[in-house]
PDB file of N, CA and C in Angstrom:
ATOM      1  N   MET A   1       0.697  -1.213  -0.151  1.00  0.00           N
ATOM      2  CA  MET A   1      -0.167  -0.245   0.293  1.00  0.00           C
ATOM      3  C   MET A   1       0.799   1.353  -0.035  1.00  0.00           C
ATOM      4  N   SER A   2       0.812   2.374  -0.915  1.00  0.00           N
ATOM      5  CA  SER A   2       1.035   3.250  -1.086  1.00  0.00           C
ATOM      6  C   SER A   2       1.357   4.322   0.383  1.00  0.00           C
ATOM      7  N   ILE A   3       2.142   5.178   0.426  1.00  0.00           N
ATOM      8  CA  ILE A   3       1.957   6.056   1.749  1.00  0.00           C
ATOM      9  C   ILE A   3       0.951   7.130   1.798  1.00  0.00           C
ATOM     10  N   LYS A   4       0.527   7.339   0.452  1.00  0.00           N
ATOM     11  CA  LYS A   4      -0.786   8.254   0.296  1.00  0.00           C
ATOM     12  C   LYS A   4      -2.027   7.668   1.075  1.00  0.00           C
ATOM     13  N   LYS A   5      -2.184   6.017   0.512  1.00  0.00           N
ATOM     14  CA  LYS A   5      -3.037   5.520   0.664  1.00  0.00           C
ATOM     15  C   LYS A   5      -3.187   5.104   2.279  1.00  0.00           C
ATOM     16  N   HIS A   6      -1.599   4.959   3.026  1.00  0.00           N
ATOM     17  CA  HIS A   6      -2.027   4.803   4.499  1.00  0.00           C
ATOM     18  C   HIS A   6      -2.127   6.248   5.048  1.00  0.00           C
ATOM     19  N   VAL A   7      -1.725   7.324   4.311  1.00  0.00           N
ATOM     20  CA  VAL A   7      -2.362   8.816   5.044  1.00  0.00           C
ATOM     21  C   VAL A   7      -3.915   8.980   4.699  1.00  0.00           C
ATOM     22  N   LYS A   8      -4.057   8.820   4.204  1.00  0.00           N
ATOM     23  CA  LYS A   8      -5.660   8.642   3.378  1.00  0.00           C
ATOM     24  C   LYS A   8      -6.546   7.915   4.607  1.00  0.00           C
ATOM     25  N   LEU A   9      -5.980   6.875   4.885  1.00  0.00           N
ATOM     26  CA  LEU A   9      -6.784   5.711   5.672  1.00  0.00           C
ATOM     27  C   LEU A   9      -6.711   6.254   7.110  1.00  0.00           C
ATOM     28  N   GLY A  10      -5.433   7.209   7.726  1.00  0.00           N
ATOM     29  CA  GLY A  10      -5.211   7.441   8.845  1.00  0.00           C
ATOM     30  C   GLY A  10      -5.929   8.820   8.771  1.00  0.00           C
ATOM     31  N   LEU A  11      -6.194   9.521   8.004  1.00  0.00           N
ATOM     32  CA  LEU A  11      -7.157  10.899   8.126  1.00  0.00           C
ATOM     33  C   LEU A  11      -8.769  10.754   8.101  1.00  0.00           C
ATOM     34  N   SER A  12      -9.206   9.179   7.602  1.00  0.00           N
ATOM     35  CA  SER A  12     -10.474   8.480   7.555  1.00  0.00           C
ATOM     36  C   SER A  12     -10.630   8.334   9.011  1.00  0.00           C
ATOM     37  N   ALA A  13      -9.674   7.437   9.873  1.00  0.00           N
ATOM     38  CA  ALA A  13      -9.461   7.070  10.907  1.00  0.00           C
ATOM     39  C   ALA A  13      -9.793   8.188  11.985  1.00  0.00           C
ATOM     40  N   LEU A  14      -8.958   9.047  11.565  1.00  0.00           N
ATOM     41  CA  LEU A  14      -9.156  10.529  12.300  1.00  0.00           C
ATOM     42  C   LEU A  14     -10.189  11.173  12.293  1.00  0.00           C
ATOM     43  N   ALA A  15     -11.018  11.215  11.150  1.00  0.00           N
ATOM     44  CA  ALA A  15     -11.965  12.049  11.140  1.00  0.00           C
ATOM     45  C   ALA A  15     -13.238  11.418  12.286  1.00  0.00           C
ATOM     46  N   LEU A  16     -13.433   9.728  11.873  1.00  0.00           N
ATOM     47  CA  LEU A  16     -14.108   9.195  12.595  1.00  0.00           C
ATOM     48  C   LEU A  16     -14.033   9.240  14.117  1.00  0.00           C
ATOM     49  N   SER A  17     -12.509   9.246  14.560  1.00  0.00           N
ATOM     50  CA  SER A  17     -12.392   9.260  16.304  1.00  0.00           C
ATOM     51  C   SER A  17     -12.680  11.033  16.454  1.00  0.00           C
ATOM     52  N   ILE A  18     -12.578  11.822  16.083  1.00  0.00           N
ATOM     53  CA  ILE A  18     -12.839  13.026  16.395  1.00  0.00           C
ATOM     54  C   ILE A  18     -14.466  13.474  16.140  1.00  0.00           C
ATOM     55  N   SER A  19     -14.879  12.662  15.603  1.00  0.00           N
ATOM     56  CA  SER A  19     -16.615  12.630  15.415  1.00  0.00           C
ATOM     57  C   SER A  19     -17.064  12.522  16.968  1.00  0.00           C
ATOM     58  N   PHE A  20     -16.796  11.491  17.620  1.00  0.00           N
ATOM     59  CA  PHE A  20     -16.966  11.016  19.026  1.00  0.00           C
ATOM     60  C   PHE A  20     -16.430  12.100  19.898  1.00  0.00           C
ATOM     61  N   ASN A  21     -15.536  12.981  19.799  1.00  0.00           N
ATOM     62  CA  ASN A  21     -15.075  13.637  20.737  1.00  0.00           C
ATOM     63  C   ASN A  21     -15.688  15.159  20.526  1.00  0.00           C
ATOM     64  N   SER A  22     -15.944  15.766  21.679  1.00  0.00           N
ATOM     65  CA  SER A  22     -16.658  17.267  21.712  1.00  0.00           C
ATOM     66  C   SER A  22     -15.195  18.242  21.915  1.00  0.00           C
ATOM     67  N   VAL A  23     -14.914  18.652  20.675  1.00  0.00           N
ATOM     68  CA  VAL A  23     -13.606  19.498  20.626  1.00  0.00           C
ATOM     69  C   VAL A  23     -14.783  21.014  19.908  1.00  0.00           C
ATOM     70  N   ALA A  24     -14.197  21.953  20.329  1.00  0.00           N
ATOM     71  CA  ALA A  24     -14.194  23.089  19.499  1.00  0.00           C
ATOM     72  C   ALA A  24     -14.244  22.843  18.184  1.00  0.00           C
ATOM     73  N   ALA A  25     -15.206  23.399  17.261  1.00  0.00           N
ATOM     74  CA  ALA A  25     -15.064  23.326  15.732  1.00  0.00           C
ATOM     75  C   ALA A  25     -13.978  24.406  15.191  1.00  0.00           C
ATOM     76  N   GLU A  26     -13.462  25.117  15.793  1.00  0.00           N
ATOM     77  CA  GLU A  26     -12.716  26.191  15.668  1.00  0.00           C
ATOM     78  C   GLU A  26     -11.209  25.870  15.556  1.00  0.00           C
ATOM     79  N   ASP A  27     -10.956  24.909  16.795  1.00  0.00           N
ATOM     80  CA  ASP A  27      -9.408  24.431  16.933  1.00  0.00           C
ATOM     81  C   ASP A  27      -8.893  23.341  16.000  1.00  0.00           C
ATOM     82  N   PRO A  28      -8.166  23.640  15.749  1.00  0.00           N
ATOM     83  CA  PRO A  28      -7.022  22.717  14.456  1.00  0.00           C
ATOM     84  C   PRO A  28      -6.898  21.876  15.261  1.00  0.00           C
ATOM     85  N   ILE A  29      -6.837  20.426  14.045  1.00  0.00           N
ATOM     86  CA  ILE A  29      -6.808  19.236  14.152  1.00  0.00           C
ATOM     87  C   ILE A  29      -5.223  18.775  14.825  1.00  0.00           C
ATOM     88  N   LYS A  30      -4.616  18.701  15.661  1.00  0.00           N
ATOM     89  CA  LYS A  30      -2.716  18.483  15.480  1.00  0.00           C
ATOM     90  C   LYS A  30      -2.383  17.171  15.201  1.00  0.00           C
ATOM     91  N   VAL A  31      -1.729  17.527  14.200  1.00  0.00           N
ATOM     92  CA  VAL A  31      -1.119  15.831  13.714  1.00  0.00           C
ATOM     93  C   VAL A  31       0.450  15.777  14.240  1.00  0.00           C
ATOM     94  N   GLY A  32       0.961  14.976  14.805  1.00  0.00           N
ATOM     95  CA  GLY A  32       2.409  15.009  15.194  1.00  0.00           C
ATOM     96  C   GLY A  32       3.215  14.304  14.201  1.00  0.00           C
ATOM     97  N   ILE A  33       4.091  14.852  13.615  1.00  0.00           N
ATOM     98  CA  ILE A  33       5.141  14.183  12.707  1.00  0.00           C
ATOM     99  C   ILE A  33       6.081  13.559  13.260  1.00  0.00           C
ATOM    100  N   LEU A  34       6.731  12.542  13.191  1.00  0.00           N
ATOM    101  CA  LEU A  34       7.861  12.063  14.107  1.00  0.00           C
ATOM    102  C   LEU A  34       8.717  11.466  13.223  1.00  0.00           C
ATOM    103  N   HIS A  35       9.479  12.333  12.476  1.00  0.00           N
ATOM    104  CA  HIS A  35      10.264  11.281  11.301  1.00  0.00           C
ATOM    105  C   HIS A  35      11.858  12.338  11.610  1.00  0.00           C
ATOM    106  N   SER A  36      13.116  11.678  11.478  1.00  0.00           N
ATOM    107  CA  SER A  36      14.326  12.261  11.608  1.00  0.00           C
ATOM    108  C   SER A  36      14.450  13.213  10.877  1.00  0.00           C
ATOM    109  N   LEU A  37      14.898  14.268  10.851  1.00  0.00           N
ATOM    110  CA  LEU A  37      15.367  15.168  10.046  1.00  0.00           C
ATOM    111  C   LEU A  37      16.814  15.461  10.088  1.00  0.00           C
ATOM    112  N   SER A  38      17.221  14.972  10.850  1.00  0.00           N
ATOM    113  CA  SER A  38      18.756  14.898  11.111  1.00  0.00           C
ATOM    114  C   SER A  38      19.227  13.687  11.349  1.00  0.00           C
ATOM    115  N   GLY A  39      20.942  13.593  11.526  1.00  0.00           N
ATOM    116  CA  GLY A  39      21.480  12.000  11.499  1.00  0.00           C
ATOM    117  C   GLY A  39      21.075  11.595  10.410  1.00  0.00           C
ATOM    118  N   THR A  40      21.709  10.165  10.644  1.00  0.00           N
ATOM    119  CA  THR A  40      21.650   8.937   9.600  1.00  0.00           C
ATOM    120  C   THR A  40      20.199   8.869   8.732  1.00  0.00           C
ATOM    121  N   MET A  41      18.996   8.652   9.472  1.00  0.00           N
ATOM    122  CA  MET A  41      17.716   8.551   8.960  1.00  0.00           C
ATOM    123  C   MET A  41      17.216   9.610   8.213  1.00  0.00           C
ATOM    124  N   ALA A  42      17.641  10.881   8.114  1.00  0.00           N
ATOM    125  CA  ALA A  42      17.487  11.921   7.726  1.00  0.00           C
ATOM    126  C   ALA A  42      17.368  11.588   6.153  1.00  0.00           C
ATOM    127  N   ILE A  43      18.333  10.911   5.507  1.00  0.00           N
ATOM    128  CA  ILE A  43      17.890  11.156   4.049  1.00  0.00           C
ATOM    129  C   ILE A  43      16.353  10.702   3.699  1.00  0.00           C
ATOM    130  N   SER A  44      15.922   9.636   4.272  1.00  0.00           N
ATOM    131  CA  SER A  44      14.972   8.722   3.823  1.00  0.00           C
ATOM    132  C   SER A  44      13.492   9.489   4.817  1.00  0.00           C
ATOM    133  N   GLU A  45      13.916   9.594   5.558  1.00  0.00           N
ATOM    134  CA  GLU A  45      12.586  10.427   6.687  1.00  0.00           C
ATOM    135  C   GLU A  45      12.268  11.932   6.052  1.00  0.00           C
ATOM    136  N   THR A  46      12.859  12.776   6.142  1.00  0.00           N
ATOM    137  CA  THR A  46      12.673  13.776   5.482  1.00  0.00           C
ATOM    138  C   THR A  46      11.477  14.093   4.520  1.00  0.00           C
ATOM    139  N   VAL A  47      11.857  13.188   3.498  1.00  0.00           N
ATOM    140  CA  VAL A  47      10.586  13.033   2.448  1.00  0.00           C
ATOM    141  C   VAL A  47       9.631  12.722   2.820  1.00  0.00           C
ATOM    142  N   LEU A  48       9.385  11.617   3.950  1.00  0.00           N
ATOM    143  CA  LEU A  48       7.959  11.299   4.851  1.00  0.00           C
ATOM    144  C   LEU A  48       7.536  12.638   5.210  1.00  0.00           C
ATOM    145  N   LYS A  49       8.457  12.955   5.841  1.00  0.00           N
ATOM    146  CA  LYS A  49       7.612  14.587   6.629  1.00  0.00           C
ATOM    147  C   LYS A  49       7.173  15.256   5.377  1.00  0.00           C
ATOM    148  N   ASP A  50       7.867  15.814   4.603  1.00  0.00           N
ATOM    149  CA  ASP A  50       7.399  16.394   3.204  1.00  0.00           C
ATOM    150  C   ASP A  50       6.367  16.149   3.042  1.00  0.00           C
ATOM    151  N   THR A  51       5.706  14.501   2.556  1.00  0.00           N
ATOM    152  CA  THR A  51       4.602  13.998   1.933  1.00  0.00           C
ATOM    153  C   THR A  51       3.623  14.137   3.142  1.00  0.00           C
ATOM    154  N   VAL A  52       3.677  13.929   4.339  1.00  0.00           N
ATOM    155  CA  VAL A  52       2.612  14.233   5.225  1.00  0.00           C
ATOM    156  C   VAL A  52       2.246  15.514   5.287  1.00  0.00           C
ATOM    157  N   GLU A  53       3.149  16.798   5.148  1.00  0.00           N
ATOM    158  CA  GLU A  53       2.898  17.978   4.957  1.00  0.00           C
ATOM    159  C   GLU A  53       2.038  18.335   3.849  1.00  0.00           C
ATOM    160  N   MET A  54       2.291  17.698   2.660  1.00  0.00           N
ATOM    161  CA  MET A  54       1.582  18.319   1.658  1.00  0.00           C
ATOM    162  C   MET A  54       0.600  17.776   1.452  1.00  0.00           C
ATOM    163  N   LEU A  55       0.075  16.039   2.352  1.00  0.00           N
ATOM    164  CA  LEU A  55      -1.100  15.821   2.143  1.00  0.00           C
ATOM    165  C   LEU A  55      -2.210  16.535   3.344  1.00  0.00           C
ATOM    166  N   ILE A  56      -1.407  16.800   4.637  1.00  0.00           N
ATOM    167  CA  ILE A  56      -2.289  18.153   5.288  1.00  0.00           C
ATOM    168  C   ILE A  56      -2.418  19.131   4.509  1.00  0.00           C
ATOM    169  N   GLU A  57      -1.291  19.790   3.710  1.00  0.00           N
ATOM    170  CA  GLU A  57      -2.064  20.953   3.171  1.00  0.00           C
ATOM    171  C   GLU A  57      -3.208  20.749   1.710  1.00  0.00           C
ATOM    172  N   GLN A  58      -2.915  19.936   1.165  1.00  0.00           N
ATOM    173  CA  GLN A  58      -4.093  19.415   0.130  1.00  0.00           C
ATOM    174  C   GLN A  58      -5.388  19.628   0.663  1.00  0.00           C
ATOM    175  N   GLN A  59      -5.314  18.222   1.888  1.00  0.00           N
ATOM    176  CA  GLN A  59      -6.525  18.019   2.936  1.00  0.00           C
ATOM    177  C   GLN A  59      -7.257  19.476   3.236  1.00  0.00           C
ATOM    178  N   ASN A  60      -6.481  20.219   4.281  1.00  0.00           N
ATOM    179  CA  ASN A  60      -6.922  21.597   4.262  1.00  0.00           C
ATOM    180  C   ASN A  60      -7.336  22.423   3.060  1.00  0.00           C
ATOM    181  N   ALA A  61      -6.781  22.254   2.324  1.00  0.00           N
ATOM    182  CA  ALA A  61      -7.831  23.109   0.611  1.00  0.00           C
ATOM    183  C   ALA A  61      -8.834  22.540   0.293  1.00  0.00           C
ATOM    184  N   LYS A  62      -9.379  21.491   0.917  1.00  0.00           N
ATOM    185  CA  LYS A  62     -10.635  21.062   0.697  1.00  0.00           C
ATOM    186  C   LYS A  62     -11.390  20.690   1.601  1.00  0.00           C
ATOM    187  N   GLY A  63     -11.215  21.744   2.905  1.00  0.00           N
ATOM    188  CA  GLY A  63     -11.864  22.211   4.094  1.00  0.00           C
ATOM    189  C   GLY A  63     -11.470  21.551   5.178  1.00  0.00           C
ATOM    190  N   GLY A  64     -10.434  20.913   5.012  1.00  0.00           N
ATOM    191  CA  GLY A  64      -9.986  20.239   6.464  1.00  0.00           C
ATOM    192  C   GLY A  64     -10.600  18.816   6.873  1.00  0.00           C
ATOM    193  N   VAL A  65     -10.541  18.600   8.032  1.00  0.00           N
ATOM    194  CA  VAL A  65     -11.565  16.991   8.706  1.00  0.00           C
ATOM    195  C   VAL A  65     -12.650  17.993   8.991  1.00  0.00           C
ATOM    196  N   LEU A  66     -13.790  17.449   8.992  1.00  0.00           N
ATOM    197  CA  LEU A  66     -15.023  17.755   9.586  1.00  0.00           C
ATOM    198  C   LEU A  66     -15.297  19.335  10.017  1.00  0.00           C
ATOM    199  N   GLY A  67     -14.699  20.268   8.741  1.00  0.00           N
ATOM    200  CA  GLY A  67     -14.699  21.524   8.981  1.00  0.00           C
ATOM    201  C   GLY A  67     -13.559  22.264   9.730  1.00  0.00           C
ATOM    202  N   ARG A  68     -12.806  21.372  10.459  1.00  0.00           N
ATOM    203  CA  ARG A  68     -11.616  21.879  11.075  1.00  0.00           C
ATOM    204  C   ARG A  68     -10.125  21.662  10.050  1.00  0.00           C
ATOM    205  N   GLU A  69      -9.326  22.446  10.121  1.00  0.00           N
ATOM    206  CA  GLU A  69      -8.168  22.715   9.693  1.00  0.00           C
ATOM    207  C   GLU A  69      -7.301  21.549  10.414  1.00  0.00           C
ATOM    208  N   LEU A  70      -6.301  20.765   9.604  1.00  0.00           N
ATOM    209  CA  LEU A  70      -5.040  19.644  10.533  1.00  0.00           C
ATOM    210  C   LEU A  70      -4.131  21.044  10.211  1.00  0.00           C
ATOM    211  N   GLU A  71      -3.042  20.880  11.487  1.00  0.00           N
ATOM    212  CA  GLU A  71      -2.094  21.457  11.729  1.00  0.00           C
ATOM    213  C   GLU A  71      -0.790  20.505  11.969  1.00  0.00           C
ATOM    214  N   ALA A  72       0.381  20.147  11.184  1.00  0.00           N
ATOM    215  CA  ALA A  72       1.242  19.622  11.294  1.00  0.00           C
ATOM    216  C   ALA A  72       2.366  20.255  12.516  1.00  0.00           C
ATOM    217  N   VAL A  73       2.581  19.042  13.834  1.00  0.00           N
ATOM    218  CA  VAL A  73       3.549  19.720  14.875  1.00  0.00           C
ATOM    219  C   VAL A  73       4.696  18.544  14.693  1.00  0.00           C
ATOM    220  N   VAL A  74       5.734  18.798  13.964  1.00  0.00           N
ATOM    221  CA  VAL A  74       6.848  18.380  13.523  1.00  0.00           C
ATOM    222  C   VAL A  74       7.825  18.403  14.690  1.00  0.00           C
ATOM    223  N   VAL A  75       8.682  17.328  15.059  1.00  0.00           N
ATOM    224  CA  VAL A  75       9.812  17.270  15.534  1.00  0.00           C
ATOM    225  C   VAL A  75      10.747  16.239  15.044  1.00  0.00           C
ATOM    226  N   ASP A  76      11.827  16.354  15.599  1.00  0.00           N
ATOM    227  CA  ASP A  76      13.049  15.818  14.834  1.00  0.00           C
ATOM    228  C   ASP A  76      13.661  14.670  16.051  1.00  0.00           C
ATOM    229  N   PRO A  77      13.818  13.468  16.039  1.00  0.00           N
ATOM    230  CA  PRO A  77      14.488  12.768  16.674  1.00  0.00           C
ATOM    231  C   PRO A  77      15.729  12.530  16.665  1.00  0.00           C
ATOM    232  N   ALA A  78      16.327  12.865  15.336  1.00  0.00           N
ATOM    233  CA  ALA A  78      17.785  13.088  15.131  1.00  0.00           C
ATOM    234  C   ALA A  78      18.099  11.624  14.838  1.00  0.00           C
ATOM    235  N   SER A  79      17.219  10.637  14.131  1.00  0.00           N
ATOM    236  CA  SER A  79      17.676   9.235  14.043  1.00  0.00           C
ATOM    237  C   SER A  79      18.626   8.919  15.520  1.00  0.00           C
ATOM    238  N   ASP A  80      17.796   9.005  16.463  1.00  0.00           N
ATOM    239  CA  ASP A  80      18.303   8.472  17.641  1.00  0.00           C
ATOM    240  C   ASP A  80      17.263   7.604  18.660  1.00  0.00           C
ATOM    241  N   TRP A  81      17.311   6.187  18.566  1.00  0.00           N
ATOM    242  CA  TRP A  81      15.978   5.600  18.701  1.00  0.00           C
ATOM    243  C   TRP A  81      15.818   5.827  20.251  1.00  0.00           C
ATOM    244  N   PRO A  82      16.109   6.237  21.393  1.00  0.00           N
ATOM    245  CA  PRO A  82      15.652   6.427  22.602  1.00  0.00           C
ATOM    246  C   PRO A  82      15.278   7.534  22.373  1.00  0.00           C
ATOM    247  N   LEU A  83      15.631   8.767  21.492  1.00  0.00           N
ATOM    248  CA  LEU A  83      15.315   9.978  21.546  1.00  0.00           C
ATOM    249  C   LEU A  83      13.674  10.105  20.910  1.00  0.00           C
ATOM    250  N   PHE A  84      13.281   8.677  20.139  1.00  0.00           N
ATOM    251  CA  PHE A  84      11.501   8.858  19.450  1.00  0.00           C
ATOM    252  C   PHE A  84      10.741   8.805  20.630  1.00  0.00           C
ATOM    253  N   ALA A  85      10.939   7.974  21.604  1.00  0.00           N
ATOM    254  CA  ALA A  85      10.106   7.786  22.770  1.00  0.00           C
ATOM    255  C   ALA A  85      10.097   8.596  23.342  1.00  0.00           C
ATOM    256  N   GLU A  86      11.365   9.682  23.729  1.00  0.00           N
ATOM    257  CA  GLU A  86      10.926  11.047  24.755  1.00  0.00           C
ATOM    258  C   GLU A  86      10.210  11.953  23.888  1.00  0.00           C
ATOM    259  N   LYS A  87      10.342  11.952  22.194  1.00  0.00           N
ATOM    260  CA  LYS A  87      10.001  12.854  21.197  1.00  0.00           C
ATOM    261  C   LYS A  87       8.452  12.551  21.219  1.00  0.00           C
ATOM    262  N   ALA A  88       7.998  11.274  21.433  1.00  0.00           N
ATOM    263  CA  ALA A  88       6.457  10.822  21.358  1.00  0.00           C
ATOM    264  C   ALA A  88       5.885  11.582  22.323  1.00  0.00           C
ATOM    265  N   ARG A  89       6.288  11.343  23.596  1.00  0.00           N
ATOM    266  CA  ARG A  89       6.287  11.665  24.583  1.00  0.00           C
ATOM    267  C   ARG A  89       5.543  13.298  24.836  1.00  0.00           C
ATOM    268  N   GLU A  90       6.873  13.880  24.214  1.00  0.00           N
ATOM    269  CA  GLU A  90       6.331  15.475  24.168  1.00  0.00           C
ATOM    270  C   GLU A  90       5.123  15.907  23.113  1.00  0.00           C
ATOM    271  N   LEU A  91       5.191  15.048  22.345  1.00  0.00           N
ATOM    272  CA  LEU A  91       4.269  15.392  21.225  1.00  0.00           C
ATOM    273  C   LEU A  91       2.582  15.295  21.629  1.00  0.00           C
ATOM    274  N   LEU A  92       2.741  14.360  22.999  1.00  0.00           N
ATOM    275  CA  LEU A  92       1.356  14.143  23.403  1.00  0.00           C
ATOM    276  C   LEU A  92       1.204  14.953  24.644  1.00  0.00           C
ATOM    277  N   ALA A  93       2.087  15.097  25.462  1.00  0.00           N
ATOM    278  CA  ALA A  93       2.115  15.793  26.679  1.00  0.00           C
ATOM    279  C   ALA A  93       2.297  16.987  26.672  1.00  0.00           C
ATOM    280  N   GLN A  94       3.300  17.711  25.850  1.00  0.00           N
ATOM    281  CA  GLN A  94       3.387  19.106  25.889  1.00  0.00           C
ATOM    282  C   GLN A  94       2.619  19.715  24.578  1.00  0.00           C
ATOM    283  N   GLU A  95       2.582  19.423  23.371  1.00  0.00           N
ATOM    284  CA  GLU A  95       1.979  19.838  22.287  1.00  0.00           C
ATOM    285  C   GLU A  95       0.814  19.256  22.142  1.00  0.00           C
ATOM    286  N   GLU A  96       0.145  18.115  22.733  1.00  0.00           N
ATOM    287  CA  GLU A  96      -1.194  17.403  23.073  1.00  0.00           C
ATOM    288  C   GLU A  96      -1.775  17.507  21.700  1.00  0.00           C
ATOM    289  N   VAL A  97      -0.906  16.805  20.892  1.00  0.00           N
ATOM    290  CA  VAL A  97      -1.547  16.099  19.686  1.00  0.00           C
ATOM    291  C   VAL A  97      -3.039  15.504  19.469  1.00  0.00           C
ATOM    292  N   ASP A  98      -3.601  15.613  18.566  1.00  0.00           N
ATOM    293  CA  ASP A  98      -4.816  14.470  18.580  1.00  0.00           C
ATOM    294  C   ASP A  98      -4.633  13.228  17.972  1.00  0.00           C
ATOM    295  N   VAL A  99      -3.370  13.382  16.913  1.00  0.00           N
ATOM    296  CA  VAL A  99      -3.231  11.979  16.382  1.00  0.00           C
ATOM    297  C   VAL A  99      -1.620  11.975  16.020  1.00  0.00           C
TER     298      VAL A  99
END
């Protein structure tokens, strides 16, 4: 399955899960992007980050999800495997991403 199909499937699941939550319609839906932008994995993961941001931009141009815009929150775990877990916690606890 292509990356675009995975992201579309993820956005569909996001729309379904958000429809069950009572969140203000004007608040953006925060999407955490956890890909290495530096270090040894940056050569392959930077493209993934760019692809997700492009798809978020396209979805926002179509009206977002359930009338709400998507907002990318990008963090760089720097190709450091233990740092991935720390950055994931940061996305959830500090940035309060929805997905």
